[in-house]
Amino acid sequence: MIPVRLGQHRDLQAAVFDLDGTLTDTRSVWQHLHEKFGTWDVGNRNAKLYRNGFIDYEEWARLDAACWKNVPLSALLGAVDQIRYTAGAKETMEQLRAHGIRTAIVSAGLSALAEKAKIDLNVDLAISNDLRVDDGLVTGEIVVRVGPENKASVIEEAAWLLGAEMKETAVVGDNASDIPKTAGLKIAFNPVTLQARTAADVVIDEDDIRAVVEHILR
């Protein structure tokens, strides 16, 4: 754990967390579902198109969602249930709540996981992307609310909905898009990029996310 630039984050009122790879031990709910439903070949091609700049995030999400057309919602939720939370995730939310810190999840992943995590971890708010469902089946369509390009603005929206200004808000994530520079405290938890490390006030390389609590409550 490497803390840097401390002493800038007094009077925090809220904490906004990334989900995939931060509150869960699965880096991507998208890839998880592809692997469960045998569509990873297509999903991997879609991901390469996005990474290489041929399509934007919204188009990538639509292509991925189309892979699961007519999958029963029950099967999709069953696959999501197999995703494990990061060690200490529930205890972290309990400790923050006990100290009056309101919490949110902002995820560029799927609401099937984000809404489950909101309930399981007792989080105040979750914002993510919604797969459309009709008559118990996934339609292959998606409502895209959060992507890397607009995640900072959605985090600001989440802070506002929690009743906090960004300077009163801690953010926790593993990518640079999870760590807007306007936040009062920026924590990179097991960051996957150098950009995330550079953007953070605190870098934590540990398996247990409870390590963030001491920094948020300091």
Protein backbone atom coordinates (compact mmCIF):
# COMPACT_ATOMS: atom_id res chain seq x y z
CA MET A 1 0.00 0.00 0.00
CA ILE A 2 1.51 3.33 -1.09
CA PRO A 3 -0.22 6.46 0.27
CA VAL A 4 0.67 9.76 -1.40
CA ARG A 5 -0.47 13.37 -1.23
CA LEU A 6 -2.37 12.91 2.03
CA GLY A 7 -4.01 15.64 4.06
CA GLN A 8 -6.34 16.87 1.30
CA HIS A 9 -9.53 14.99 2.14
CA ARG A 10 -11.17 16.23 5.33
CA ASP A 11 -14.95 16.36 5.81
CA LEU A 12 -15.88 13.66 3.32
CA GLN A 13 -19.61 12.98 3.11
CA ALA A 14 -19.83 10.32 0.36
CA ALA A 15 -17.87 7.54 -1.32
CA VAL A 16 -18.41 6.35 -4.90
CA PHE A 17 -17.07 2.92 -5.84
CA ASP A 18 -16.37 1.20 -9.13
CA LEU A 19 -17.79 -2.35 -9.22
CA ASP A 20 -16.00 -4.78 -11.58
CA GLY A 21 -12.53 -5.49 -10.21
CA THR A 22 -13.06 -3.18 -7.23
CA LEU A 23 -16.01 -4.46 -5.23
CA THR A 24 -15.93 -7.80 -7.07
CA ASP A 25 -13.07 -10.16 -7.83
CA THR A 26 -14.23 -10.37 -11.46
CA ARG A 27 -12.64 -7.76 -13.69
CA SER A 28 -15.50 -7.71 -16.22
CA VAL A 29 -19.09 -8.86 -15.85
CA TRP A 30 -19.28 -8.70 -19.66
CA GLN A 31 -16.50 -11.26 -20.12
CA HIS A 32 -17.92 -13.37 -17.30
CA LEU A 33 -21.27 -13.64 -19.09
CA HIS A 34 -19.62 -14.33 -22.44
CA GLU A 35 -17.72 -17.21 -20.89
CA LYS A 36 -20.84 -18.58 -19.20
CA PHE A 37 -22.96 -18.44 -22.37
CA GLY A 38 -20.30 -19.49 -24.89
CA THR A 39 -20.13 -16.14 -26.71
CA TRP A 40 -16.60 -15.06 -25.80
CA ASP A 41 -15.27 -15.44 -29.36
CA VAL A 42 -17.66 -12.73 -30.52
CA GLY A 43 -17.19 -10.72 -27.32
CA ASN A 44 -13.43 -10.75 -27.71
CA ARG A 45 -13.73 -9.48 -31.29
CA ASN A 46 -16.05 -6.72 -30.11
CA ALA A 47 -13.58 -5.73 -27.39
CA LYS A 48 -10.75 -5.48 -29.90
CA LEU A 49 -12.86 -3.26 -32.14
CA TYR A 50 -13.48 -0.95 -29.19
CA ARG A 51 -9.88 -0.95 -27.94
CA ASN A 52 -8.60 -0.16 -31.43
CA GLY A 53 -10.98 2.77 -31.82
CA PHE A 54 -13.20 1.35 -34.56
CA ILE A 55 -16.36 1.63 -32.42
CA ASP A 56 -17.32 3.67 -29.37
CA TYR A 57 -18.32 2.26 -25.99
CA GLU A 58 -22.04 2.49 -26.66
CA GLU A 59 -21.74 0.52 -29.90
CA TRP A 60 -19.51 -2.03 -28.17
CA ALA A 61 -22.10 -2.46 -25.41
CA ARG A 62 -24.87 -2.91 -27.98
CA LEU A 63 -22.89 -5.55 -29.87
CA ASP A 64 -22.19 -7.42 -26.64
CA ALA A 65 -25.78 -7.26 -25.46
CA ALA A 66 -26.95 -8.66 -28.79
CA CYS A 67 -24.94 -11.82 -28.05
CA TRP A 68 -27.36 -12.70 -25.26
CA LYS A 69 -30.63 -12.23 -27.13
CA ASN A 70 -33.26 -14.70 -25.89
CA VAL A 71 -31.17 -15.80 -22.90
CA PRO A 72 -33.61 -16.36 -20.00
CA LEU A 73 -33.27 -13.68 -17.36
CA SER A 74 -33.16 -16.42 -14.74
CA ALA A 75 -30.08 -17.92 -16.42
CA LEU A 76 -28.37 -14.54 -16.64
CA LEU A 77 -29.06 -13.80 -12.98
CA GLY A 78 -27.79 -17.25 -12.08
CA ALA A 79 -24.53 -16.51 -13.86
CA VAL A 80 -24.25 -13.15 -12.09
CA ASP A 81 -24.79 -14.89 -8.74
CA GLN A 82 -21.51 -16.75 -9.29
CA ILE A 83 -19.50 -13.51 -9.10
CA ARG A 84 -17.83 -13.07 -5.72
CA TYR A 85 -17.33 -9.82 -3.86
CA THR A 86 -13.89 -8.57 -2.96
CA ALA A 87 -12.82 -9.51 0.55
CA GLY A 88 -14.13 -6.96 3.03
CA ALA A 89 -16.65 -5.33 0.67
CA LYS A 90 -19.65 -5.65 2.98
CA GLU A 91 -17.66 -4.67 6.06
CA THR A 92 -16.32 -1.61 4.24
CA MET A 93 -19.82 -0.36 3.51
CA GLU A 94 -20.90 -1.07 7.08
CA GLN A 95 -17.99 0.92 8.50
CA LEU A 96 -18.61 3.85 6.19
CA ARG A 97 -22.33 3.87 6.99
CA ALA A 98 -21.57 3.78 10.72
CA HIS A 99 -19.56 6.97 10.28
CA GLY A 100 -22.24 8.74 8.25
CA ILE A 101 -20.61 8.29 4.83
CA ARG A 102 -23.18 7.73 2.08
CA THR A 103 -22.18 5.28 -0.65
CA ALA A 104 -22.75 4.65 -4.35
CA ILE A 105 -21.74 2.25 -7.08
CA VAL A 106 -21.09 3.70 -10.53
CA SER A 107 -20.31 0.96 -13.03
CA ALA A 108 -19.78 0.74 -16.76
CA GLY A 109 -20.96 -2.83 -16.34
CA LEU A 110 -24.48 -4.19 -16.01
CA SER A 111 -27.30 -3.43 -13.61
CA ALA A 112 -27.95 -7.15 -13.15
CA LEU A 113 -24.79 -7.11 -11.03
CA ALA A 114 -24.86 -3.51 -9.79
CA GLU A 115 -28.38 -3.73 -8.36
CA LYS A 116 -27.54 -7.04 -6.71
CA ALA A 117 -24.43 -5.51 -5.15
CA LYS A 118 -26.46 -2.51 -3.99
CA ILE A 119 -28.73 -4.83 -2.01
CA ASP A 120 -26.10 -7.32 -0.86
CA LEU A 121 -23.66 -4.65 0.35
CA ASN A 122 -26.30 -2.18 1.58
CA VAL A 123 -25.16 0.63 -0.74
CA ASP A 124 -27.30 3.76 -1.07
CA LEU A 125 -27.23 4.14 -4.86
CA ALA A 126 -26.19 2.24 -8.00
CA ILE A 127 -25.93 3.56 -11.57
CA SER A 128 -24.99 1.25 -14.46
CA ASN A 129 -26.22 -0.11 -17.81
CA ASP A 130 -29.53 -1.94 -18.21
CA LEU A 131 -30.08 -4.99 -20.38
CA ARG A 132 -33.65 -4.91 -21.70
CA VAL A 133 -35.86 -7.84 -20.76
CA ASP A 134 -39.22 -8.84 -22.22
CA ASP A 135 -41.36 -11.73 -21.01
CA GLY A 136 -38.48 -13.19 -19.02
CA LEU A 137 -35.99 -13.11 -21.90
CA VAL A 138 -33.08 -10.77 -22.61
CA THR A 139 -33.98 -8.86 -25.79
CA GLY A 140 -30.42 -8.19 -26.94
CA GLU A 141 -30.89 -4.43 -26.40
CA ILE A 142 -29.29 -2.27 -23.75
CA VAL A 143 -29.70 1.17 -22.21
CA VAL A 144 -26.19 2.62 -21.89
CA ARG A 145 -25.86 5.07 -19.02
CA VAL A 146 -22.21 4.70 -18.07
CA GLY A 147 -19.04 4.27 -20.11
CA PRO A 148 -15.41 5.26 -19.63
CA GLU A 149 -15.93 8.52 -21.51
CA ASN A 150 -18.78 9.83 -19.34
CA LYS A 151 -18.05 8.04 -16.08
CA ALA A 152 -16.64 11.15 -14.39
CA SER A 153 -19.86 13.08 -15.01
CA VAL A 154 -21.96 10.15 -13.76
CA ILE A 155 -19.85 9.99 -10.61
CA GLU A 156 -20.53 13.70 -10.12
CA GLU A 157 -24.24 12.99 -10.59
CA ALA A 158 -24.06 10.20 -8.01
CA ALA A 159 -22.35 12.50 -5.51
CA TRP A 160 -25.08 15.10 -6.04
CA LEU A 161 -27.79 12.46 -5.53
CA LEU A 162 -26.07 11.52 -2.27
CA GLY A 163 -26.15 15.16 -1.19
CA ALA A 164 -22.41 15.78 -1.47
CA GLU A 165 -20.13 18.03 -3.49
CA MET A 166 -17.26 16.39 -5.31
CA LYS A 167 -14.77 17.91 -2.88
CA GLU A 168 -16.70 16.02 -0.15
CA THR A 169 -16.60 12.74 -2.09
CA ALA A 170 -14.09 9.89 -2.11
CA VAL A 171 -13.81 7.76 -5.25
CA VAL A 172 -12.45 4.21 -5.37
CA GLY A 173 -11.61 2.25 -8.52
CA ASP A 174 -9.05 0.36 -10.56
CA ASN A 175 -9.08 2.47 -13.75
CA ALA A 176 -8.37 6.13 -14.40
CA SER A 177 -11.99 6.67 -15.51
CA ASP A 178 -13.06 5.73 -11.96
CA ILE A 179 -10.97 8.53 -10.46
CA PRO A 180 -12.12 12.00 -11.55
CA LYS A 181 -9.69 14.72 -10.50
CA THR A 182 -12.47 16.80 -8.90
CA ALA A 183 -12.97 14.24 -6.11
CA GLY A 184 -11.95 15.14 -2.58
CA LEU A 185 -10.09 11.85 -2.18
CA LYS A 186 -8.97 9.62 -5.05
CA ILE A 187 -8.14 5.99 -4.23
CA ALA A 188 -6.79 3.49 -6.75
CA PHE A 189 -7.55 -0.01 -5.47
CA ASN A 190 -5.43 -2.67 -7.19
CA PRO A 191 -5.13 -0.40 -10.25
CA VAL A 192 -4.83 -2.05 -13.64
CA THR A 193 -3.19 0.91 -15.39
CA LEU A 194 -0.37 3.35 -14.71
CA GLN A 195 -2.83 6.16 -15.44
CA ALA A 196 -4.98 5.07 -12.49
CA ARG A 197 -1.97 5.05 -10.19
CA THR A 198 -0.95 8.50 -11.34
CA ALA A 199 -4.45 9.93 -10.92
CA ALA A 200 -4.82 8.71 -7.33
CA ASP A 201 -4.01 10.34 -4.00
CA VAL A 202 -3.73 6.86 -2.46
CA VAL A 203 -2.74 3.60 -4.15
CA ILE A 204 -3.70 0.35 -2.42
CA ASP A 205 -2.35 -3.00 -3.57
CA GLU A 206 -4.13 -5.42 -1.24
CA ASP A 207 -6.72 -8.18 -1.46
CA ASP A 208 -9.02 -6.71 1.21
CA ILE A 209 -10.87 -3.52 0.32
CA ARG A 210 -11.25 -2.60 4.00
CA ALA A 211 -7.87 -0.93 3.50
CA VAL A 212 -9.67 2.06 1.95
CA VAL A 213 -11.65 2.84 5.12
CA GLU A 214 -8.82 4.35 7.13
CA HIS A 215 -8.11 6.82 4.33
CA ILE A 216 -11.75 7.83 3.84
CA LEU A 217 -12.31 8.34 7.58
CA ARG A 218 -8.97 10.06 8.23
